[in-house]
Amino acid sequence: MVIQMEKTYYIATLVFAWFITVSLFVFSFFAFKLTYYFFGVLILLICIAATMVNILLFRNIKKQPQKE
């Protein structure tokens, strides 16, 4: 069973997720700049995972059949 969300919810979720991902990249940049390498790498790995999830969500939006 596949749960279908309305396209507006997908777009809102995707925009919010990209906002969080960009924020994490900024935190990672400043962690490296302040020589907190462990936290920088940890946040960078989370950023990479978040980016993959965002791409999968975007592909899911494109595959979703159009309602008439």
PDB file of N, CA and C in Angstrom:
ATOM      1  N   MET A   1       0.846  -1.182   0.000  1.00  0.00           N
ATOM      2  CA  MET A   1       0.000   0.000   0.000  1.00  0.00           C
ATOM      3  C   MET A   1       0.887   1.239   0.000  1.00  0.00           C
ATOM      4  N   VAL A   2       0.671   2.099  -0.962  1.00  0.00           N
ATOM      5  CA  VAL A   2       1.456   3.326  -1.080  1.00  0.00           C
ATOM      6  C   VAL A   2       0.588   4.492  -0.640  1.00  0.00           C
ATOM      7  N   ILE A   3       1.114   5.276   0.268  1.00  0.00           N
ATOM      8  CA  ILE A   3       0.380   6.452   0.740  1.00  0.00           C
ATOM      9  C   ILE A   3       0.708   7.618  -0.179  1.00  0.00           C
ATOM     10  N   GLN A   4      -0.313   8.234  -0.723  1.00  0.00           N
ATOM     11  CA  GLN A   4      -0.139   9.362  -1.626  1.00  0.00           C
ATOM     12  C   GLN A   4      -0.379  10.667  -0.883  1.00  0.00           C
ATOM     13  N   MET A   5       0.579  11.555  -0.941  1.00  0.00           N
ATOM     14  CA  MET A   5       0.388  12.887  -0.376  1.00  0.00           C
ATOM     15  C   MET A   5       0.061  13.837  -1.514  1.00  0.00           C
ATOM     16  N   GLU A   6      -0.553  14.936  -1.158  1.00  0.00           N
ATOM     17  CA  GLU A   6      -0.793  15.940  -2.179  1.00  0.00           C
ATOM     18  C   GLU A   6       0.529  16.578  -2.565  1.00  0.00           C
ATOM     19  N   LYS A   7       0.589  17.067  -3.790  1.00  0.00           N
ATOM     20  CA  LYS A   7       1.836  17.619  -4.308  1.00  0.00           C
ATOM     21  C   LYS A   7       2.294  18.831  -3.502  1.00  0.00           C
ATOM     22  N   THR A   8       1.367  19.602  -2.961  1.00  0.00           N
ATOM     23  CA  THR A   8       1.728  20.767  -2.159  1.00  0.00           C
ATOM     24  C   THR A   8       2.519  20.352  -0.930  1.00  0.00           C
ATOM     25  N   TYR A   9       2.119  19.265  -0.290  1.00  0.00           N
ATOM     26  CA  TYR A   9       2.837  18.784   0.888  1.00  0.00           C
ATOM     27  C   TYR A   9       4.232  18.288   0.517  1.00  0.00           C
ATOM     28  N   TYR A  10       4.348  17.626  -0.632  1.00  0.00           N
ATOM     29  CA  TYR A  10       5.659  17.193  -1.094  1.00  0.00           C
ATOM     30  C   TYR A  10       6.583  18.392  -1.300  1.00  0.00           C
ATOM     31  N   ILE A  11       6.070  19.412  -1.961  1.00  0.00           N
ATOM     32  CA  ILE A  11       6.893  20.587  -2.248  1.00  0.00           C
ATOM     33  C   ILE A  11       7.276  21.304  -0.964  1.00  0.00           C
ATOM     34  N   ALA A  12       6.337  21.450  -0.035  1.00  0.00           N
ATOM     35  CA  ALA A  12       6.644  22.102   1.241  1.00  0.00           C
ATOM     36  C   ALA A  12       7.683  21.298   2.021  1.00  0.00           C
ATOM     37  N   THR A  13       7.543  19.986   2.023  1.00  0.00           N
ATOM     38  CA  THR A  13       8.512  19.132   2.710  1.00  0.00           C
ATOM     39  C   THR A  13       9.884  19.245   2.067  1.00  0.00           C
ATOM     40  N   LEU A  14       9.919  19.269   0.745  1.00  0.00           N
ATOM     41  CA  LEU A  14      11.188  19.363   0.030  1.00  0.00           C
ATOM     42  C   LEU A  14      11.878  20.697   0.281  1.00  0.00           C
ATOM     43  N   VAL A  15      11.129  21.790   0.260  1.00  0.00           N
ATOM     44  CA  VAL A  15      11.717  23.111   0.517  1.00  0.00           C
ATOM     45  C   VAL A  15      12.265  23.176   1.937  1.00  0.00           C
ATOM     46  N   PHE A  16      11.505  22.701   2.892  1.00  0.00           N
ATOM     47  CA  PHE A  16      11.956  22.712   4.283  1.00  0.00           C
ATOM     48  C   PHE A  16      13.189  21.831   4.461  1.00  0.00           C
ATOM     49  N   ALA A  17      13.215  20.675   3.800  1.00  0.00           N
ATOM     50  CA  ALA A  17      14.359  19.768   3.906  1.00  0.00           C
ATOM     51  C   ALA A  17      15.618  20.391   3.306  1.00  0.00           C
ATOM     52  N   TRP A  18      15.485  21.083   2.164  1.00  0.00           N
ATOM     53  CA  TRP A  18      16.657  21.740   1.576  1.00  0.00           C
ATOM     54  C   TRP A  18      17.144  22.880   2.456  1.00  0.00           C
ATOM     55  N   PHE A  19      16.230  23.584   3.107  1.00  0.00           N
ATOM     56  CA  PHE A  19      16.620  24.654   4.033  1.00  0.00           C
ATOM     57  C   PHE A  19      17.447  24.082   5.187  1.00  0.00           C
ATOM     58  N   ILE A  20      17.006  22.963   5.729  1.00  0.00           N
ATOM     59  CA  ILE A  20      17.746  22.318   6.817  1.00  0.00           C
ATOM     60  C   ILE A  20      19.097  21.809   6.322  1.00  0.00           C
ATOM     61  N   THR A  21      19.142  21.245   5.121  1.00  0.00           N
ATOM     62  CA  THR A  21      20.391  20.726   4.577  1.00  0.00           C
ATOM     63  C   THR A  21      21.416  21.837   4.380  1.00  0.00           C
ATOM     64  N   VAL A  22      20.984  22.958   3.836  1.00  0.00           N
ATOM     65  CA  VAL A  22      21.898  24.091   3.650  1.00  0.00           C
ATOM     66  C   VAL A  22      22.386  24.599   5.003  1.00  0.00           C
ATOM     67  N   SER A  23      21.507  24.652   5.982  1.00  0.00           N
ATOM     68  CA  SER A  23      21.909  25.080   7.328  1.00  0.00           C
ATOM     69  C   SER A  23      22.955  24.135   7.913  1.00  0.00           C
ATOM     70  N   LEU A  24      22.783  22.843   7.704  1.00  0.00           N
ATOM     71  CA  LEU A  24      23.767  21.881   8.194  1.00  0.00           C
ATOM     72  C   LEU A  24      25.115  22.054   7.505  1.00  0.00           C
ATOM     73  N   PHE A  25      25.104  22.360   6.202  1.00  0.00           N
ATOM     74  CA  PHE A  25      26.363  22.624   5.507  1.00  0.00           C
ATOM     75  C   PHE A  25      27.069  23.844   6.094  1.00  0.00           C
ATOM     76  N   VAL A  26      26.307  24.869   6.449  1.00  0.00           N
ATOM     77  CA  VAL A  26      26.895  26.063   7.070  1.00  0.00           C
ATOM     78  C   VAL A  26      27.493  25.709   8.431  1.00  0.00           C
ATOM     79  N   PHE A  27      26.765  24.944   9.238  1.00  0.00           N
ATOM     80  CA  PHE A  27      27.297  24.520  10.539  1.00  0.00           C
ATOM     81  C   PHE A  27      28.569  23.689  10.364  1.00  0.00           C
ATOM     82  N   SER A  28      28.580  22.819   9.361  1.00  0.00           N
ATOM     83  CA  SER A  28      29.756  22.000   9.105  1.00  0.00           C
ATOM     84  C   SER A  28      30.945  22.869   8.709  1.00  0.00           C
ATOM     85  N   PHE A  29      30.716  23.860   7.871  1.00  0.00           N
ATOM     86  CA  PHE A  29      31.782  24.774   7.453  1.00  0.00           C
ATOM     87  C   PHE A  29      32.399  25.474   8.658  1.00  0.00           C
ATOM     88  N   PHE A  30      31.554  25.995   9.535  1.00  0.00           N
ATOM     89  CA  PHE A  30      32.079  26.703  10.698  1.00  0.00           C
ATOM     90  C   PHE A  30      32.705  25.753  11.716  1.00  0.00           C
ATOM     91  N   ALA A  31      32.252  24.517  11.769  1.00  0.00           N
ATOM     92  CA  ALA A  31      32.891  23.539  12.651  1.00  0.00           C
ATOM     93  C   ALA A  31      34.325  23.277  12.191  1.00  0.00           C
ATOM     94  N   PHE A  32      34.518  23.147  10.869  1.00  0.00           N
ATOM     95  CA  PHE A  32      35.878  22.978  10.357  1.00  0.00           C
ATOM     96  C   PHE A  32      36.706  24.238  10.572  1.00  0.00           C
ATOM     97  N   LYS A  33      36.089  25.386  10.374  1.00  0.00           N
ATOM     98  CA  LYS A  33      36.808  26.652  10.533  1.00  0.00           C
ATOM     99  C   LYS A  33      37.261  26.860  11.981  1.00  0.00           C
ATOM    100  N   LEU A  34      36.464  26.393  12.936  1.00  0.00           N
ATOM    101  CA  LEU A  34      36.809  26.525  14.353  1.00  0.00           C
ATOM    102  C   LEU A  34      37.618  25.329  14.868  1.00  0.00           C
ATOM    103  N   THR A  35      38.077  24.498  13.962  1.00  0.00           N
ATOM    104  CA  THR A  35      38.899  23.297  14.222  1.00  0.00           C
ATOM    105  C   THR A  35      38.196  22.244  15.080  1.00  0.00           C
ATOM    106  N   TYR A  36      36.886  22.137  14.954  1.00  0.00           N
ATOM    107  CA  TYR A  36      36.141  21.029  15.552  1.00  0.00           C
ATOM    108  C   TYR A  36      35.933  19.980  14.464  1.00  0.00           C
ATOM    109  N   TYR A  37      37.004  19.264  14.149  1.00  0.00           N
ATOM    110  CA  TYR A  37      36.979  18.367  12.998  1.00  0.00           C
ATOM    111  C   TYR A  37      36.007  17.205  13.172  1.00  0.00           C
ATOM    112  N   PHE A  38      35.925  16.652  14.366  1.00  0.00           N
ATOM    113  CA  PHE A  38      35.011  15.527  14.592  1.00  0.00           C
ATOM    114  C   PHE A  38      33.567  15.942  14.314  1.00  0.00           C
ATOM    115  N   PHE A  39      33.162  17.088  14.863  1.00  0.00           N
ATOM    116  CA  PHE A  39      31.795  17.561  14.642  1.00  0.00           C
ATOM    117  C   PHE A  39      31.580  17.966  13.188  1.00  0.00           C
ATOM    118  N   GLY A  40      32.614  18.516  12.570  1.00  0.00           N
ATOM    119  CA  GLY A  40      32.518  18.879  11.158  1.00  0.00           C
ATOM    120  C   GLY A  40      32.266  17.674  10.278  1.00  0.00           C
ATOM    121  N   VAL A  41      33.011  16.600  10.522  1.00  0.00           N
ATOM    122  CA  VAL A  41      32.836  15.375   9.734  1.00  0.00           C
ATOM    123  C   VAL A  41      31.476  14.754  10.019  1.00  0.00           C
ATOM    124  N   LEU A  42      31.083  14.736  11.279  1.00  0.00           N
ATOM    125  CA  LEU A  42      29.790  14.160  11.649  1.00  0.00           C
ATOM    126  C   LEU A  42      28.636  14.913  10.979  1.00  0.00           C
ATOM    127  N   ILE A  43      28.677  16.224  11.046  1.00  0.00           N
ATOM    128  CA  ILE A  43      27.618  17.023  10.418  1.00  0.00           C
ATOM    129  C   ILE A  43      27.675  16.882   8.904  1.00  0.00           C
ATOM    130  N   LEU A  44      28.877  16.780   8.337  1.00  0.00           N
ATOM    131  CA  LEU A  44      29.009  16.605   6.893  1.00  0.00           C
ATOM    132  C   LEU A  44      28.395  15.279   6.440  1.00  0.00           C
ATOM    133  N   LEU A  45      28.585  14.214   7.213  1.00  0.00           N
ATOM    134  CA  LEU A  45      27.959  12.929   6.880  1.00  0.00           C
ATOM    135  C   LEU A  45      26.434  13.022   6.949  1.00  0.00           C
ATOM    136  N   ILE A  46      25.932  13.742   7.939  1.00  0.00           N
ATOM    137  CA  ILE A  46      24.484  13.951   8.037  1.00  0.00           C
ATOM    138  C   ILE A  46      23.990  14.747   6.832  1.00  0.00           C
ATOM    139  N   CYS A  47      24.779  15.729   6.394  1.00  0.00           N
ATOM    140  CA  CYS A  47      24.410  16.536   5.220  1.00  0.00           C
ATOM    141  C   CYS A  47      24.326  15.681   3.961  1.00  0.00           C
ATOM    142  N   ILE A  48      25.287  14.793   3.802  1.00  0.00           N
ATOM    143  CA  ILE A  48      25.285  13.920   2.624  1.00  0.00           C
ATOM    144  C   ILE A  48      24.053  13.015   2.640  1.00  0.00           C
ATOM    145  N   ALA A  49      23.733  12.462   3.800  1.00  0.00           N
ATOM    146  CA  ALA A  49      22.539  11.619   3.909  1.00  0.00           C
ATOM    147  C   ALA A  49      21.271  12.432   3.646  1.00  0.00           C
ATOM    148  N   ALA A  50      21.208  13.650   4.167  1.00  0.00           N
ATOM    149  CA  ALA A  50      20.035  14.500   3.947  1.00  0.00           C
ATOM    150  C   ALA A  50      19.892  14.865   2.475  1.00  0.00           C
ATOM    151  N   THR A  51      21.004  15.104   1.808  1.00  0.00           N
ATOM    152  CA  THR A  51      20.957  15.413   0.379  1.00  0.00           C
ATOM    153  C   THR A  51      20.425  14.224  -0.414  1.00  0.00           C
ATOM    154  N   MET A  52      20.856  13.019  -0.061  1.00  0.00           N
ATOM    155  CA  MET A  52      20.349  11.827  -0.746  1.00  0.00           C
ATOM    156  C   MET A  52      18.845  11.666  -0.543  1.00  0.00           C
ATOM    157  N   VAL A  53      18.381  11.898   0.670  1.00  0.00           N
ATOM    158  CA  VAL A  53      16.945  11.791   0.948  1.00  0.00           C
ATOM    159  C   VAL A  53      16.175  12.847   0.163  1.00  0.00           C
ATOM    160  N   ASN A  54      16.719  14.059   0.071  1.00  0.00           N
ATOM    161  CA  ASN A  54      16.054  15.112  -0.692  1.00  0.00           C
ATOM    162  C   ASN A  54      15.955  14.746  -2.169  1.00  0.00           C
ATOM    163  N   ILE A  55      17.008  14.161  -2.712  1.00  0.00           N
ATOM    164  CA  ILE A  55      16.984  13.753  -4.118  1.00  0.00           C
ATOM    165  C   ILE A  55      15.959  12.641  -4.332  1.00  0.00           C
ATOM    166  N   LEU A  56      15.903  11.675  -3.414  1.00  0.00           N
ATOM    167  CA  LEU A  56      14.907  10.606  -3.537  1.00  0.00           C
ATOM    168  C   LEU A  56      13.482  11.150  -3.445  1.00  0.00           C
ATOM    169  N   LEU A  57      13.261  12.113  -2.563  1.00  0.00           N
ATOM    170  CA  LEU A  57      11.940  12.722  -2.441  1.00  0.00           C
ATOM    171  C   LEU A  57      11.571  13.469  -3.721  1.00  0.00           C
ATOM    172  N   PHE A  58      12.544  14.165  -4.313  1.00  0.00           N
ATOM    173  CA  PHE A  58      12.288  14.881  -5.565  1.00  0.00           C
ATOM    174  C   PHE A  58      11.936  13.907  -6.684  1.00  0.00           C
ATOM    175  N   ARG A  59      12.640  12.785  -6.752  1.00  0.00           N
ATOM    176  CA  ARG A  59      12.315  11.778  -7.769  1.00  0.00           C
ATOM    177  C   ARG A  59      10.924  11.200  -7.539  1.00  0.00           C
ATOM    178  N   ASN A  60      10.541  11.042  -6.274  1.00  0.00           N
ATOM    179  CA  ASN A  60       9.222  10.523  -5.943  1.00  0.00           C
ATOM    180  C   ASN A  60       8.136  11.496  -6.398  1.00  0.00           C
ATOM    181  N   ILE A  61       8.398  12.782  -6.279  1.00  0.00           N
ATOM    182  CA  ILE A  61       7.432  13.785  -6.740  1.00  0.00           C
ATOM    183  C   ILE A  61       7.260  13.684  -8.249  1.00  0.00           C
ATOM    184  N   LYS A  62       8.376  13.518  -8.971  1.00  0.00           N
ATOM    185  CA  LYS A  62       8.304  13.458 -10.430  1.00  0.00           C
ATOM    186  C   LYS A  62       7.585  12.203 -10.914  1.00  0.00           C
ATOM    187  N   LYS A  63       7.708  11.077 -10.170  1.00  0.00           N
ATOM    188  CA  LYS A  63       7.068   9.827 -10.573  1.00  0.00           C
ATOM    189  C   LYS A  63       5.581   9.788 -10.251  1.00  0.00           C
ATOM    190  N   GLN A  64       5.156  10.632  -9.321  1.00  0.00           N
ATOM    191  CA  GLN A  64       3.772  10.585  -8.852  1.00  0.00           C
ATOM    192  C   GLN A  64       2.812  10.919 -10.000  1.00  0.00           C
ATOM    193  N   PRO A  65       1.782  10.098 -10.182  1.00  0.00           N
ATOM    194  CA  PRO A  65       0.828  10.376 -11.263  1.00  0.00           C
ATOM    195  C   PRO A  65       0.041  11.657 -10.985  1.00  0.00           C
ATOM    196  N   GLN A  66      -0.271  12.357 -12.052  1.00  0.00           N
ATOM    197  CA  GLN A  66      -1.011  13.611 -11.933  1.00  0.00           C
ATOM    198  C   GLN A  66      -2.490  13.329 -11.710  1.00  0.00           C
ATOM    199  N   LYS A  67      -3.078  14.033 -10.739  1.00  0.00           N
ATOM    200  CA  LYS A  67      -4.515  13.910 -10.498  1.00  0.00           C
ATOM    201  C   LYS A  67      -5.249  14.869 -11.426  1.00  0.00           C
ATOM    202  N   GLU A  68      -6.392  14.438 -11.877  1.00  0.00           N
ATOM    203  CA  GLU A  68      -7.180  15.295 -12.771  1.00  0.00           C
ATOM    204  C   GLU A  68      -8.360  15.880 -12.062  1.00  0.00           C
TER     205      GLU A  68
END
